[in-house]
Amino acid sequence: MKCVCVADTHGIHIEKICNKTRTLHIEDEGDVFIHAGDFCNTGEIIDVIRFNEWLVTDKIFARFKYVLVVPGNHDVVFEQAFDFACNYLDDRVTILLDKEIIIDRIKFYGSPWQLPFNNWAFNLPEIDLKEKFNKIPKDTNVLITHSPPLGTLDRTQTKPDLGSKSLADKIDEIRPQFHVFGHIHEGYGKYYYKTDNITYLNVSLLNELYDLKNKPICFEINL
C-alpha cells in the first residue's frame, strides 16, 4: 500500500495571482492520500470549500482510493462546527478526529490536538493532551497527528522541542510503524528510529515563510 502525505498547505490549493490561477499539484499517485492538517488558512468555511474544489481539480479522488484528513490548528471551523464543516467536503474524504479506519488490515488513527499555539483550534495543555492521546489504539500501524512528538522533527531555528511529551510517551508505548504529522514547518523531513522501528514524517509543504518549498513524502506499508 502506497501512502502520499502532506500537511500545512494553508489554503494555497487554488490561488489567483495577477489575474492568473495557480493550482497546487500533487504529482504522486497511490492508495491513500493523507493530509495531516492546516489545509485552511484562516479557518473559515470558504477555505474548506476551496480545499474540496482542489481535491477534485487535482484529481486526488481519481488517483487515490482513500483520502484521509486530520484537522490542524488553522482548521478552526472543524472545532467550532464539525458537522457543518464536513458538509462541505466530498463524501470520499474521511476526517479522522480521534478516530480510526482500517484499510486492508492496516489501522490508521488520526488526532488533531496540540499544545496551545496563538489561540487557534485544537489547543490543549499537556495534561489534557495526555487524555486525548491515551485514546490511540495500541495496534495502530499509521498514526496521523497535526502535532509532532517532543524531540522529533519539532524544532525551529529559535525554539527547540515544540512537540508534545504526552504524544512522544504514547508513541514509545504503542510503537506504530509510521507517524505522520506537520505543524512545525521548519521540521519538515523524515527520521527513522531504528531501535523502535518507527518512521517519523513531518510533511509540512510550506516553509517557515509560508512559501511552497517542500514536496509530499511517500511511504509503503504492507502487513
N, C-alpha and C. Protein backbone atom coordinates (compact mmCIF):
# COMPACT_ATOMS: atom_id res chain seq x y z
N MET A 1 0.84 -1.19 0.00
CA MET A 1 0.00 0.00 0.00
C MET A 1 0.89 1.25 0.00
N LYS A 2 0.65 2.11 -0.95
CA LYS A 2 1.43 3.36 -1.05
C LYS A 2 0.62 4.52 -0.49
N CYS A 3 1.24 5.26 0.44
CA CYS A 3 0.63 6.43 1.05
C CYS A 3 1.41 7.68 0.65
N VAL A 4 0.69 8.73 0.30
CA VAL A 4 1.29 10.02 -0.07
C VAL A 4 0.80 11.05 0.94
N CYS A 5 1.74 11.74 1.58
CA CYS A 5 1.41 12.56 2.75
C CYS A 5 1.79 14.03 2.56
N VAL A 6 0.88 14.91 2.99
CA VAL A 6 1.15 16.35 3.02
C VAL A 6 0.54 16.93 4.29
N ALA A 7 0.94 18.15 4.61
CA ALA A 7 0.32 18.91 5.70
C ALA A 7 0.62 20.38 5.46
N ASP A 8 -0.05 21.24 6.19
CA ASP A 8 0.27 22.68 6.21
C ASP A 8 0.33 23.27 4.81
N THR A 9 -0.78 23.15 4.11
CA THR A 9 -0.91 23.79 2.79
C THR A 9 -1.57 25.16 2.90
N HIS A 10 -2.25 25.43 3.99
CA HIS A 10 -2.74 26.76 4.36
C HIS A 10 -3.46 27.50 3.24
N GLY A 11 -4.35 26.81 2.55
CA GLY A 11 -5.22 27.47 1.59
C GLY A 11 -4.59 27.84 0.27
N ILE A 12 -3.40 27.30 -0.04
CA ILE A 12 -2.74 27.68 -1.29
C ILE A 12 -3.18 26.82 -2.46
N HIS A 13 -4.17 25.98 -2.27
CA HIS A 13 -4.52 24.97 -3.26
C HIS A 13 -4.90 25.58 -4.62
N ILE A 14 -5.77 26.56 -4.60
CA ILE A 14 -6.14 27.27 -5.83
C ILE A 14 -6.06 28.75 -5.53
N GLU A 15 -5.10 29.44 -6.15
CA GLU A 15 -4.89 30.86 -5.88
C GLU A 15 -4.92 31.66 -7.17
N LYS A 16 -5.45 32.87 -7.08
CA LYS A 16 -5.41 33.81 -8.21
C LYS A 16 -4.35 34.85 -7.93
N ILE A 17 -3.32 34.88 -8.77
CA ILE A 17 -2.21 35.80 -8.62
C ILE A 17 -2.04 36.57 -9.93
N CYS A 18 -2.20 37.88 -9.88
CA CYS A 18 -2.05 38.73 -11.07
C CYS A 18 -2.95 38.22 -12.20
N ASN A 19 -4.20 37.97 -11.86
CA ASN A 19 -5.21 37.51 -12.82
C ASN A 19 -4.91 36.14 -13.41
N LYS A 20 -3.97 35.41 -12.81
CA LYS A 20 -3.70 34.05 -13.23
C LYS A 20 -4.00 33.10 -12.08
N THR A 21 -4.47 31.92 -12.41
CA THR A 21 -4.81 30.94 -11.40
C THR A 21 -3.68 29.93 -11.25
N ARG A 22 -3.22 29.75 -10.01
CA ARG A 22 -2.19 28.76 -9.71
C ARG A 22 -2.81 27.65 -8.88
N THR A 23 -2.60 26.42 -9.31
CA THR A 23 -3.17 25.27 -8.61
C THR A 23 -2.06 24.38 -8.08
N LEU A 24 -2.13 24.06 -6.80
CA LEU A 24 -1.18 23.12 -6.21
C LEU A 24 -1.38 21.76 -6.87
N HIS A 25 -0.30 21.15 -7.33
CA HIS A 25 -0.40 19.86 -8.00
C HIS A 25 0.42 18.82 -7.26
N ILE A 26 -0.22 17.72 -6.91
CA ILE A 26 0.46 16.58 -6.32
C ILE A 26 0.78 15.60 -7.45
N GLU A 27 2.06 15.39 -7.71
CA GLU A 27 2.46 14.56 -8.84
C GLU A 27 2.27 13.08 -8.57
N ASP A 28 2.39 12.67 -7.32
CA ASP A 28 2.34 11.25 -6.99
C ASP A 28 0.92 10.71 -7.06
N GLU A 29 0.81 9.40 -7.16
CA GLU A 29 -0.46 8.72 -7.00
C GLU A 29 -0.22 7.47 -6.18
N GLY A 30 -1.29 6.93 -5.61
CA GLY A 30 -1.11 5.77 -4.75
C GLY A 30 -2.44 5.25 -4.25
N ASP A 31 -2.41 4.65 -3.08
CA ASP A 31 -3.62 4.07 -2.50
C ASP A 31 -4.29 5.01 -1.50
N VAL A 32 -3.47 5.68 -0.68
CA VAL A 32 -4.00 6.53 0.39
C VAL A 32 -3.35 7.91 0.31
N PHE A 33 -4.17 8.95 0.25
CA PHE A 33 -3.69 10.33 0.33
C PHE A 33 -3.98 10.84 1.73
N ILE A 34 -2.95 11.34 2.40
CA ILE A 34 -3.07 11.80 3.79
C ILE A 34 -2.76 13.29 3.87
N HIS A 35 -3.67 14.05 4.49
CA HIS A 35 -3.39 15.45 4.81
C HIS A 35 -3.43 15.58 6.33
N ALA A 36 -2.29 15.95 6.92
CA ALA A 36 -2.16 15.97 8.38
C ALA A 36 -2.44 17.34 8.98
N GLY A 37 -3.32 18.11 8.36
CA GLY A 37 -3.82 19.33 8.99
C GLY A 37 -3.30 20.63 8.46
N ASP A 38 -4.06 21.69 8.77
CA ASP A 38 -3.82 23.05 8.28
C ASP A 38 -3.97 23.13 6.77
N PHE A 39 -5.08 22.59 6.27
CA PHE A 39 -5.43 22.83 4.87
C PHE A 39 -6.12 24.18 4.73
N CYS A 40 -6.65 24.71 5.83
CA CYS A 40 -7.24 26.04 5.83
C CYS A 40 -6.17 27.10 6.11
N ASN A 41 -6.53 28.34 5.80
CA ASN A 41 -5.66 29.46 6.14
C ASN A 41 -6.18 30.17 7.38
N THR A 42 -7.37 30.79 7.26
CA THR A 42 -7.97 31.47 8.40
C THR A 42 -8.97 30.60 9.13
N GLY A 43 -9.27 29.43 8.57
CA GLY A 43 -10.17 28.51 9.26
C GLY A 43 -11.64 28.73 9.00
N GLU A 44 -11.97 29.52 7.98
CA GLU A 44 -13.37 29.77 7.65
C GLU A 44 -13.88 28.75 6.64
N ILE A 45 -15.19 28.72 6.47
CA ILE A 45 -15.79 27.69 5.61
C ILE A 45 -15.36 27.85 4.16
N ILE A 46 -15.03 29.06 3.72
CA ILE A 46 -14.57 29.25 2.34
C ILE A 46 -13.28 28.49 2.10
N ASP A 47 -12.44 28.36 3.13
CA ASP A 47 -11.21 27.58 2.99
C ASP A 47 -11.53 26.10 2.74
N VAL A 48 -12.55 25.61 3.41
CA VAL A 48 -12.96 24.22 3.25
C VAL A 48 -13.50 23.99 1.84
N ILE A 49 -14.29 24.92 1.37
CA ILE A 49 -14.85 24.82 0.02
C ILE A 49 -13.74 24.78 -1.02
N ARG A 50 -12.77 25.65 -0.88
CA ARG A 50 -11.66 25.71 -1.84
C ARG A 50 -10.78 24.47 -1.76
N PHE A 51 -10.59 23.94 -0.56
CA PHE A 51 -9.84 22.70 -0.40
C PHE A 51 -10.54 21.56 -1.11
N ASN A 52 -11.85 21.48 -0.96
CA ASN A 52 -12.61 20.43 -1.62
C ASN A 52 -12.57 20.59 -3.14
N GLU A 53 -12.63 21.83 -3.61
CA GLU A 53 -12.52 22.08 -5.05
C GLU A 53 -11.18 21.59 -5.58
N TRP A 54 -10.14 21.81 -4.79
CA TRP A 54 -8.81 21.38 -5.20
C TRP A 54 -8.70 19.86 -5.27
N LEU A 55 -9.30 19.17 -4.31
CA LEU A 55 -9.27 17.71 -4.33
C LEU A 55 -9.85 17.18 -5.64
N VAL A 56 -10.86 17.86 -6.14
CA VAL A 56 -11.47 17.47 -7.42
C VAL A 56 -10.61 17.92 -8.58
N THR A 57 -10.19 19.18 -8.55
CA THR A 57 -9.41 19.75 -9.66
C THR A 57 -8.11 19.02 -9.89
N ASP A 58 -7.42 18.66 -8.81
CA ASP A 58 -6.14 17.96 -8.94
C ASP A 58 -6.32 16.44 -9.05
N LYS A 59 -7.56 16.02 -9.18
CA LYS A 59 -7.90 14.60 -9.41
C LYS A 59 -7.36 13.69 -8.30
N ILE A 60 -7.40 14.20 -7.07
CA ILE A 60 -6.95 13.39 -5.94
C ILE A 60 -7.84 12.15 -5.80
N PHE A 61 -9.13 12.32 -5.96
CA PHE A 61 -10.05 11.19 -5.82
C PHE A 61 -9.85 10.15 -6.92
N ALA A 62 -9.39 10.61 -8.07
CA ALA A 62 -9.18 9.68 -9.18
C ALA A 62 -7.87 8.91 -9.02
N ARG A 63 -6.90 9.49 -8.31
CA ARG A 63 -5.57 8.88 -8.22
C ARG A 63 -5.32 8.15 -6.91
N PHE A 64 -6.28 8.27 -5.96
CA PHE A 64 -6.15 7.59 -4.68
C PHE A 64 -7.47 6.93 -4.31
N LYS A 65 -7.39 5.76 -3.72
CA LYS A 65 -8.59 5.05 -3.30
C LYS A 65 -9.19 5.66 -2.03
N TYR A 66 -8.31 6.19 -1.18
CA TYR A 66 -8.75 6.75 0.09
C TYR A 66 -8.11 8.11 0.31
N VAL A 67 -8.89 9.03 0.89
CA VAL A 67 -8.39 10.35 1.26
C VAL A 67 -8.66 10.54 2.75
N LEU A 68 -7.59 10.61 3.54
CA LEU A 68 -7.68 10.75 4.99
C LEU A 68 -7.20 12.13 5.41
N VAL A 69 -7.98 12.81 6.22
CA VAL A 69 -7.65 14.17 6.63
C VAL A 69 -7.78 14.30 8.15
N VAL A 70 -6.75 14.88 8.76
CA VAL A 70 -6.78 15.23 10.18
C VAL A 70 -6.73 16.75 10.28
N PRO A 71 -7.68 17.39 10.93
CA PRO A 71 -7.63 18.86 11.05
C PRO A 71 -6.42 19.32 11.86
N GLY A 72 -6.05 20.58 11.63
CA GLY A 72 -4.96 21.19 12.38
C GLY A 72 -5.42 22.47 13.07
N ASN A 73 -4.50 23.19 13.64
CA ASN A 73 -4.88 24.37 14.43
C ASN A 73 -5.47 25.50 13.58
N HIS A 74 -5.17 25.53 12.29
CA HIS A 74 -5.76 26.55 11.42
C HIS A 74 -7.15 26.15 10.91
N ASP A 75 -7.53 24.91 11.12
CA ASP A 75 -8.82 24.42 10.61
C ASP A 75 -9.91 24.64 11.65
N VAL A 76 -10.09 25.91 11.99
CA VAL A 76 -10.89 26.32 13.15
C VAL A 76 -12.34 25.83 13.06
N VAL A 77 -12.92 25.90 11.88
CA VAL A 77 -14.34 25.56 11.74
C VAL A 77 -14.61 24.11 12.11
N PHE A 78 -13.60 23.24 12.02
CA PHE A 78 -13.80 21.83 12.37
C PHE A 78 -13.84 21.61 13.89
N GLU A 79 -13.35 22.57 14.66
CA GLU A 79 -13.51 22.50 16.10
C GLU A 79 -14.81 23.18 16.52
N GLN A 80 -15.15 24.27 15.86
CA GLN A 80 -16.32 25.04 16.26
C GLN A 80 -17.63 24.44 15.76
N ALA A 81 -17.61 23.85 14.57
CA ALA A 81 -18.85 23.33 13.98
C ALA A 81 -18.50 22.15 13.06
N PHE A 82 -18.13 21.03 13.68
CA PHE A 82 -17.59 19.90 12.93
C PHE A 82 -18.55 19.38 11.87
N ASP A 83 -19.77 19.08 12.24
CA ASP A 83 -20.73 18.53 11.28
C ASP A 83 -21.01 19.50 10.14
N PHE A 84 -21.14 20.77 10.47
CA PHE A 84 -21.36 21.80 9.46
C PHE A 84 -20.21 21.84 8.46
N ALA A 85 -18.98 21.81 8.97
CA ALA A 85 -17.80 21.86 8.09
C ALA A 85 -17.72 20.63 7.20
N CYS A 86 -18.03 19.47 7.75
CA CYS A 86 -17.95 18.23 6.98
C CYS A 86 -18.92 18.22 5.81
N ASN A 87 -20.01 18.97 5.92
CA ASN A 87 -20.98 19.04 4.82
C ASN A 87 -20.39 19.63 3.55
N TYR A 88 -19.28 20.34 3.69
CA TYR A 88 -18.66 20.99 2.53
C TYR A 88 -17.49 20.19 1.97
N LEU A 89 -17.32 18.97 2.47
CA LEU A 89 -16.32 18.06 1.93
C LEU A 89 -17.00 16.90 1.22
N ASP A 90 -16.37 16.44 0.18
CA ASP A 90 -16.86 15.29 -0.57
C ASP A 90 -16.99 14.08 0.36
N ASP A 91 -17.97 13.24 0.10
CA ASP A 91 -18.18 12.05 0.92
C ASP A 91 -17.00 11.09 0.89
N ARG A 92 -16.13 11.25 -0.10
CA ARG A 92 -14.97 10.37 -0.21
C ARG A 92 -13.83 10.78 0.71
N VAL A 93 -13.98 11.89 1.43
CA VAL A 93 -13.00 12.33 2.41
C VAL A 93 -13.35 11.74 3.77
N THR A 94 -12.38 11.10 4.41
CA THR A 94 -12.56 10.59 5.77
C THR A 94 -11.82 11.51 6.74
N ILE A 95 -12.58 12.17 7.61
CA ILE A 95 -11.98 13.03 8.63
C ILE A 95 -11.70 12.19 9.86
N LEU A 96 -10.44 12.18 10.28
CA LEU A 96 -10.05 11.41 11.46
C LEU A 96 -9.83 12.38 12.62
N LEU A 97 -10.86 12.50 13.45
CA LEU A 97 -10.78 13.33 14.65
C LEU A 97 -10.92 12.39 15.84
N ASP A 98 -9.78 11.97 16.38
CA ASP A 98 -9.75 10.95 17.42
C ASP A 98 -10.53 9.72 16.95
N LYS A 99 -10.13 9.24 15.79
CA LYS A 99 -10.88 8.18 15.11
C LYS A 99 -9.92 7.29 14.34
N GLU A 100 -10.32 6.03 14.13
CA GLU A 100 -9.52 5.09 13.37
C GLU A 100 -10.24 4.65 12.12
N ILE A 101 -9.47 4.15 11.16
CA ILE A 101 -10.01 3.49 9.98
C ILE A 101 -9.05 2.36 9.62
N ILE A 102 -9.60 1.23 9.26
CA ILE A 102 -8.78 0.08 8.87
C ILE A 102 -8.91 -0.12 7.36
N ILE A 103 -7.77 -0.11 6.69
CA ILE A 103 -7.71 -0.30 5.24
C ILE A 103 -6.78 -1.47 4.96
N ASP A 104 -7.32 -2.51 4.38
CA ASP A 104 -6.51 -3.71 4.08
C ASP A 104 -5.71 -4.17 5.29
N ARG A 105 -6.39 -4.26 6.43
CA ARG A 105 -5.84 -4.74 7.69
C ARG A 105 -4.86 -3.77 8.36
N ILE A 106 -4.65 -2.61 7.75
CA ILE A 106 -3.75 -1.60 8.31
C ILE A 106 -4.59 -0.55 9.04
N LYS A 107 -4.28 -0.33 10.31
CA LYS A 107 -5.05 0.61 11.11
C LYS A 107 -4.40 2.00 11.09
N PHE A 108 -5.18 2.98 10.60
CA PHE A 108 -4.80 4.38 10.63
C PHE A 108 -5.59 5.05 11.76
N TYR A 109 -4.93 5.93 12.49
CA TYR A 109 -5.62 6.67 13.55
C TYR A 109 -5.19 8.12 13.47
N GLY A 110 -6.18 9.03 13.58
CA GLY A 110 -5.88 10.45 13.47
C GLY A 110 -6.33 11.26 14.66
N SER A 111 -5.51 12.25 15.05
CA SER A 111 -5.85 13.13 16.17
C SER A 111 -5.31 14.54 15.88
N PRO A 112 -6.12 15.58 16.08
CA PRO A 112 -5.72 16.94 15.68
C PRO A 112 -5.06 17.77 16.78
N TRP A 113 -4.99 17.28 18.00
CA TRP A 113 -4.66 18.14 19.14
C TRP A 113 -3.18 18.48 19.23
N GLN A 114 -2.90 19.68 19.80
CA GLN A 114 -1.53 20.10 20.04
C GLN A 114 -1.47 21.09 21.19
N LEU A 115 -0.26 21.40 21.62
CA LEU A 115 -0.06 22.38 22.69
C LEU A 115 -0.59 23.75 22.26
N PRO A 116 -0.98 24.61 23.20
CA PRO A 116 -1.50 25.93 22.85
C PRO A 116 -0.57 26.70 21.93
N PHE A 117 -1.18 27.27 20.88
CA PHE A 117 -0.40 27.98 19.87
C PHE A 117 -1.25 29.10 19.30
N ASN A 118 -1.00 30.34 19.75
CA ASN A 118 -1.65 31.53 19.21
C ASN A 118 -3.18 31.46 19.22
N ASN A 119 -3.75 30.76 20.19
CA ASN A 119 -5.20 30.74 20.37
C ASN A 119 -5.95 30.21 19.15
N TRP A 120 -5.33 29.27 18.43
CA TRP A 120 -6.01 28.66 17.30
C TRP A 120 -6.81 27.45 17.78
N ALA A 121 -7.16 26.57 16.87
CA ALA A 121 -8.04 25.44 17.19
C ALA A 121 -7.26 24.24 17.75
N PHE A 122 -7.99 23.36 18.40
CA PHE A 122 -7.48 22.08 18.91
C PHE A 122 -6.25 22.25 19.80
N ASN A 123 -6.27 23.31 20.60
CA ASN A 123 -5.19 23.59 21.54
C ASN A 123 -5.54 23.09 22.93
N LEU A 124 -4.62 22.37 23.55
CA LEU A 124 -4.83 21.89 24.91
C LEU A 124 -3.50 21.90 25.67
N PRO A 125 -3.55 22.09 26.99
CA PRO A 125 -2.32 21.95 27.79
C PRO A 125 -1.90 20.49 27.83
N GLU A 126 -0.66 20.25 28.18
CA GLU A 126 -0.11 18.91 28.13
C GLU A 126 -0.91 17.89 28.94
N ILE A 127 -1.42 18.29 30.09
CA ILE A 127 -2.16 17.35 30.93
C ILE A 127 -3.42 16.85 30.22
N ASP A 128 -4.05 17.70 29.41
CA ASP A 128 -5.24 17.29 28.66
C ASP A 128 -4.88 16.56 27.37
N LEU A 129 -3.72 16.90 26.81
CA LEU A 129 -3.25 16.15 25.65
C LEU A 129 -3.04 14.69 26.00
N LYS A 130 -2.55 14.44 27.18
CA LYS A 130 -2.33 13.05 27.60
C LYS A 130 -3.61 12.25 27.54
N GLU A 131 -4.70 12.85 27.97
CA GLU A 131 -6.00 12.17 27.93
C GLU A 131 -6.43 11.89 26.49
N LYS A 132 -6.21 12.84 25.60
CA LYS A 132 -6.57 12.65 24.19
C LYS A 132 -5.72 11.55 23.56
N PHE A 133 -4.40 11.61 23.78
CA PHE A 133 -3.51 10.67 23.12
C PHE A 133 -3.60 9.26 23.72
N ASN A 134 -4.12 9.16 24.92
CA ASN A 134 -4.33 7.83 25.51
C ASN A 134 -5.41 7.05 24.78
N LYS A 135 -6.19 7.74 23.95
CA LYS A 135 -7.22 7.07 23.16
C LYS A 135 -6.65 6.33 21.95
N ILE A 136 -5.40 6.61 21.61
CA ILE A 136 -4.79 5.99 20.43
C ILE A 136 -4.69 4.48 20.66
N PRO A 137 -5.24 3.68 19.76
CA PRO A 137 -5.20 2.22 19.97
C PRO A 137 -3.78 1.67 19.94
N LYS A 138 -3.56 0.64 20.73
CA LYS A 138 -2.23 0.05 20.84
C LYS A 138 -1.78 -0.61 19.53
N ASP A 139 -2.73 -1.03 18.71
CA ASP A 139 -2.39 -1.72 17.47
C ASP A 139 -2.41 -0.81 16.25
N THR A 140 -2.24 0.50 16.48
CA THR A 140 -2.18 1.46 15.37
C THR A 140 -0.93 1.22 14.53
N ASN A 141 -1.10 1.12 13.23
CA ASN A 141 0.04 0.97 12.32
C ASN A 141 0.54 2.31 11.80
N VAL A 142 -0.41 3.20 11.44
CA VAL A 142 -0.06 4.52 10.94
C VAL A 142 -0.78 5.56 11.80
N LEU A 143 0.00 6.32 12.55
CA LEU A 143 -0.56 7.39 13.38
C LEU A 143 -0.44 8.71 12.63
N ILE A 144 -1.55 9.43 12.56
CA ILE A 144 -1.57 10.75 11.90
C ILE A 144 -2.01 11.78 12.92
N THR A 145 -1.14 12.71 13.23
CA THR A 145 -1.48 13.82 14.13
C THR A 145 -1.08 15.12 13.45
N HIS A 146 -1.63 16.23 13.95
CA HIS A 146 -1.11 17.50 13.43
C HIS A 146 0.16 17.88 14.17
N SER A 147 0.20 17.58 15.44
CA SER A 147 1.36 17.91 16.27
C SER A 147 2.48 16.90 16.11
N PRO A 148 3.71 17.36 16.19
CA PRO A 148 4.83 16.42 16.32
C PRO A 148 4.98 15.95 17.75
N PRO A 149 5.68 14.84 17.95
CA PRO A 149 6.02 14.45 19.32
C PRO A 149 7.23 15.26 19.79
N LEU A 150 7.38 15.37 21.08
CA LEU A 150 8.51 16.11 21.64
C LEU A 150 9.83 15.50 21.19
N GLY A 151 10.70 16.34 20.62
CA GLY A 151 12.05 15.92 20.31
C GLY A 151 12.28 15.32 18.94
N THR A 152 11.24 15.25 18.11
CA THR A 152 11.41 14.65 16.78
C THR A 152 10.81 15.56 15.72
N LEU A 153 11.66 16.12 14.88
CA LEU A 153 11.24 16.99 13.77
C LEU A 153 10.30 18.09 14.25
N ASP A 154 10.63 18.66 15.41
CA ASP A 154 9.74 19.67 16.03
C ASP A 154 10.48 20.94 16.40
N ARG A 155 11.62 21.20 15.75
CA ARG A 155 12.43 22.35 16.14
C ARG A 155 12.39 23.45 15.08
N THR A 156 12.53 24.68 15.55
CA THR A 156 12.76 25.82 14.67
C THR A 156 14.15 26.37 14.97
N GLN A 157 14.53 27.40 14.24
CA GLN A 157 15.85 27.98 14.47
C GLN A 157 15.94 28.66 15.83
N THR A 158 14.81 29.08 16.36
CA THR A 158 14.82 29.83 17.61
C THR A 158 14.21 29.06 18.79
N LYS A 159 13.41 28.02 18.51
CA LYS A 159 12.73 27.30 19.58
C LYS A 159 12.89 25.80 19.39
N PRO A 160 13.62 25.14 20.26
CA PRO A 160 13.76 23.68 20.17
C PRO A 160 12.60 22.95 20.84
N ASP A 161 12.36 21.75 20.39
CA ASP A 161 11.44 20.84 21.07
C ASP A 161 10.06 21.45 21.34
N LEU A 162 9.30 21.65 20.26
CA LEU A 162 7.97 22.24 20.37
C LEU A 162 6.85 21.20 20.38
N GLY A 163 7.20 19.94 20.29
CA GLY A 163 6.20 18.89 20.24
C GLY A 163 5.68 18.51 21.62
N SER A 164 4.77 17.53 21.62
CA SER A 164 4.10 17.10 22.84
C SER A 164 4.82 15.93 23.50
N LYS A 165 5.08 16.06 24.80
CA LYS A 165 5.69 14.96 25.55
C LYS A 165 4.71 13.80 25.69
N SER A 166 3.44 14.11 25.91
CA SER A 166 2.43 13.05 26.04
C SER A 166 2.35 12.21 24.77
N LEU A 167 2.45 12.88 23.63
CA LEU A 167 2.42 12.16 22.36
C LEU A 167 3.66 11.29 22.21
N ALA A 168 4.82 11.84 22.57
CA ALA A 168 6.06 11.06 22.49
C ALA A 168 5.99 9.83 23.39
N ASP A 169 5.44 10.01 24.58
CA ASP A 169 5.32 8.88 25.52
C ASP A 169 4.39 7.81 24.97
N LYS A 170 3.29 8.24 24.34
CA LYS A 170 2.34 7.27 23.78
C LYS A 170 2.96 6.50 22.62
N ILE A 171 3.72 7.18 21.81
CA ILE A 171 4.39 6.52 20.68
C ILE A 171 5.41 5.50 21.20
N ASP A 172 6.13 5.85 22.24
CA ASP A 172 7.07 4.90 22.84
C ASP A 172 6.34 3.64 23.33
N GLU A 173 5.11 3.82 23.75
CA GLU A 173 4.32 2.70 24.27
C GLU A 173 3.79 1.80 23.15
N ILE A 174 3.20 2.42 22.12
CA ILE A 174 2.49 1.62 21.11
C ILE A 174 3.34 1.30 19.88
N ARG A 175 4.34 2.12 19.60
CA ARG A 175 5.29 1.91 18.50
C ARG A 175 4.62 1.64 17.15
N PRO A 176 3.93 2.64 16.60
CA PRO A 176 3.39 2.49 15.25
C PRO A 176 4.53 2.40 14.25
N GLN A 177 4.25 1.84 13.08
CA GLN A 177 5.29 1.76 12.06
C GLN A 177 5.61 3.13 11.48
N PHE A 178 4.56 3.96 11.35
CA PHE A 178 4.75 5.30 10.79
C PHE A 178 3.98 6.31 11.63
N HIS A 179 4.59 7.49 11.82
CA HIS A 179 3.92 8.62 12.45
C HIS A 179 4.02 9.81 11.50
N VAL A 180 2.86 10.27 11.03
CA VAL A 180 2.77 11.36 10.06
C VAL A 180 2.22 12.59 10.76
N PHE A 181 2.87 13.75 10.56
CA PHE A 181 2.42 14.98 11.22
C PHE A 181 2.94 16.19 10.45
N GLY A 182 2.64 17.38 10.97
CA GLY A 182 3.11 18.63 10.37
C GLY A 182 3.30 19.66 11.46
N HIS A 183 2.62 20.82 11.30
CA HIS A 183 2.54 21.89 12.30
C HIS A 183 3.81 22.73 12.40
N ILE A 184 4.95 22.11 12.63
CA ILE A 184 6.21 22.85 12.71
C ILE A 184 6.86 22.80 11.34
N HIS A 185 6.68 23.87 10.57
CA HIS A 185 7.11 23.89 9.17
C HIS A 185 8.60 23.61 9.02
N GLU A 186 9.40 24.15 9.92
CA GLU A 186 10.85 24.00 9.81
C GLU A 186 11.32 22.58 10.13
N GLY A 187 10.42 21.77 10.65
CA GLY A 187 10.78 20.40 10.98
C GLY A 187 10.60 19.42 9.84
N TYR A 188 10.25 19.92 8.66
CA TYR A 188 9.98 19.05 7.51
C TYR A 188 11.09 18.02 7.31
N GLY A 189 10.66 16.78 7.06
CA GLY A 189 11.65 15.75 6.76
C GLY A 189 11.24 14.38 7.29
N LYS A 190 12.17 13.46 7.21
CA LYS A 190 11.94 12.06 7.56
C LYS A 190 13.01 11.61 8.55
N TYR A 191 12.57 10.87 9.57
CA TYR A 191 13.52 10.34 10.55
C TYR A 191 13.12 8.92 10.90
N TYR A 192 14.05 8.00 10.71
CA TYR A 192 13.80 6.60 11.05
C TYR A 192 14.52 6.26 12.33
N TYR A 193 13.74 5.84 13.34
CA TYR A 193 14.32 5.45 14.63
C TYR A 193 14.46 3.94 14.63
N LYS A 194 15.66 3.49 14.38
CA LYS A 194 15.92 2.07 14.15
C LYS A 194 15.60 1.21 15.35
N THR A 195 15.90 1.71 16.55
CA THR A 195 15.70 0.91 17.76
C THR A 195 14.25 0.46 17.91
N ASP A 196 13.31 1.36 17.64
CA ASP A 196 11.89 1.05 17.79
C ASP A 196 11.20 0.74 16.46
N ASN A 197 11.95 0.84 15.36
CA ASN A 197 11.40 0.59 14.02
C ASN A 197 10.21 1.51 13.72
N ILE A 198 10.38 2.78 14.02
CA ILE A 198 9.35 3.79 13.76
C ILE A 198 9.90 4.81 12.77
N THR A 199 9.12 5.12 11.75
CA THR A 199 9.48 6.17 10.80
C THR A 199 8.62 7.39 11.07
N TYR A 200 9.27 8.51 11.36
CA TYR A 200 8.59 9.78 11.62
C TYR A 200 8.64 10.64 10.36
N LEU A 201 7.49 11.24 9.99
CA LEU A 201 7.41 12.04 8.78
C LEU A 201 6.75 13.38 9.10
N ASN A 202 7.52 14.46 9.03
CA ASN A 202 6.96 15.81 9.09
C ASN A 202 6.75 16.25 7.65
N VAL A 203 5.49 16.37 7.25
CA VAL A 203 5.16 16.52 5.83
C VAL A 203 4.63 17.92 5.51
N SER A 204 5.05 18.93 6.27
CA SER A 204 4.63 20.32 6.01
C SER A 204 5.13 20.77 4.64
N LEU A 205 4.22 21.19 3.78
CA LEU A 205 4.64 21.64 2.44
C LEU A 205 5.16 23.06 2.45
N LEU A 206 4.63 23.93 3.31
CA LEU A 206 5.11 25.31 3.35
C LEU A 206 6.27 25.43 4.34
N ASN A 207 7.22 26.28 4.00
CA ASN A 207 8.33 26.51 4.93
C ASN A 207 7.93 27.57 5.97
N GLU A 208 8.90 28.00 6.77
CA GLU A 208 8.59 28.94 7.84
C GLU A 208 8.13 30.30 7.34
N LEU A 209 8.41 30.61 6.07
CA LEU A 209 7.95 31.86 5.46
C LEU A 209 6.65 31.69 4.71
N TYR A 210 6.03 30.52 4.84
CA TYR A 210 4.79 30.17 4.15
C TYR A 210 4.96 30.15 2.64
N ASP A 211 6.16 29.82 2.19
CA ASP A 211 6.42 29.58 0.77
C ASP A 211 6.34 28.08 0.49
N LEU A 212 5.83 27.73 -0.68
CA LEU A 212 5.72 26.33 -1.05
C LEU A 212 7.08 25.83 -1.51
N LYS A 213 7.80 25.17 -0.59
CA LYS A 213 9.16 24.72 -0.87
C LYS A 213 9.33 23.21 -0.76
N ASN A 214 8.46 22.56 -0.03
CA ASN A 214 8.64 21.13 0.25
C ASN A 214 7.73 20.26 -0.59
N LYS A 215 8.10 19.00 -0.72
CA LYS A 215 7.34 18.07 -1.53
C LYS A 215 6.63 17.04 -0.65
N PRO A 216 5.56 16.45 -1.15
CA PRO A 216 4.92 15.36 -0.41
C PRO A 216 5.91 14.25 -0.11
N ILE A 217 5.68 13.52 0.96
CA ILE A 217 6.53 12.39 1.33
C ILE A 217 5.69 11.12 1.22
N CYS A 218 6.26 10.12 0.57
CA CYS A 218 5.56 8.86 0.32
C CYS A 218 6.16 7.73 1.15
N PHE A 219 5.34 6.75 1.46
CA PHE A 219 5.87 5.53 2.08
C PHE A 219 5.00 4.35 1.68
N GLU A 220 5.58 3.16 1.80
CA GLU A 220 4.88 1.91 1.51
C GLU A 220 4.71 1.14 2.81
N ILE A 221 3.53 0.58 3.00
CA ILE A 221 3.28 -0.25 4.17
C ILE A 221 2.42 -1.43 3.77
N ASN A 222 2.81 -2.61 4.24
CA ASN A 222 2.06 -3.83 3.98
C ASN A 222 2.14 -4.74 5.20
N LEU A 223 1.08 -5.48 5.45
CA LEU A 223 1.06 -6.43 6.55
C LEU A 223 1.04 -7.85 6.01
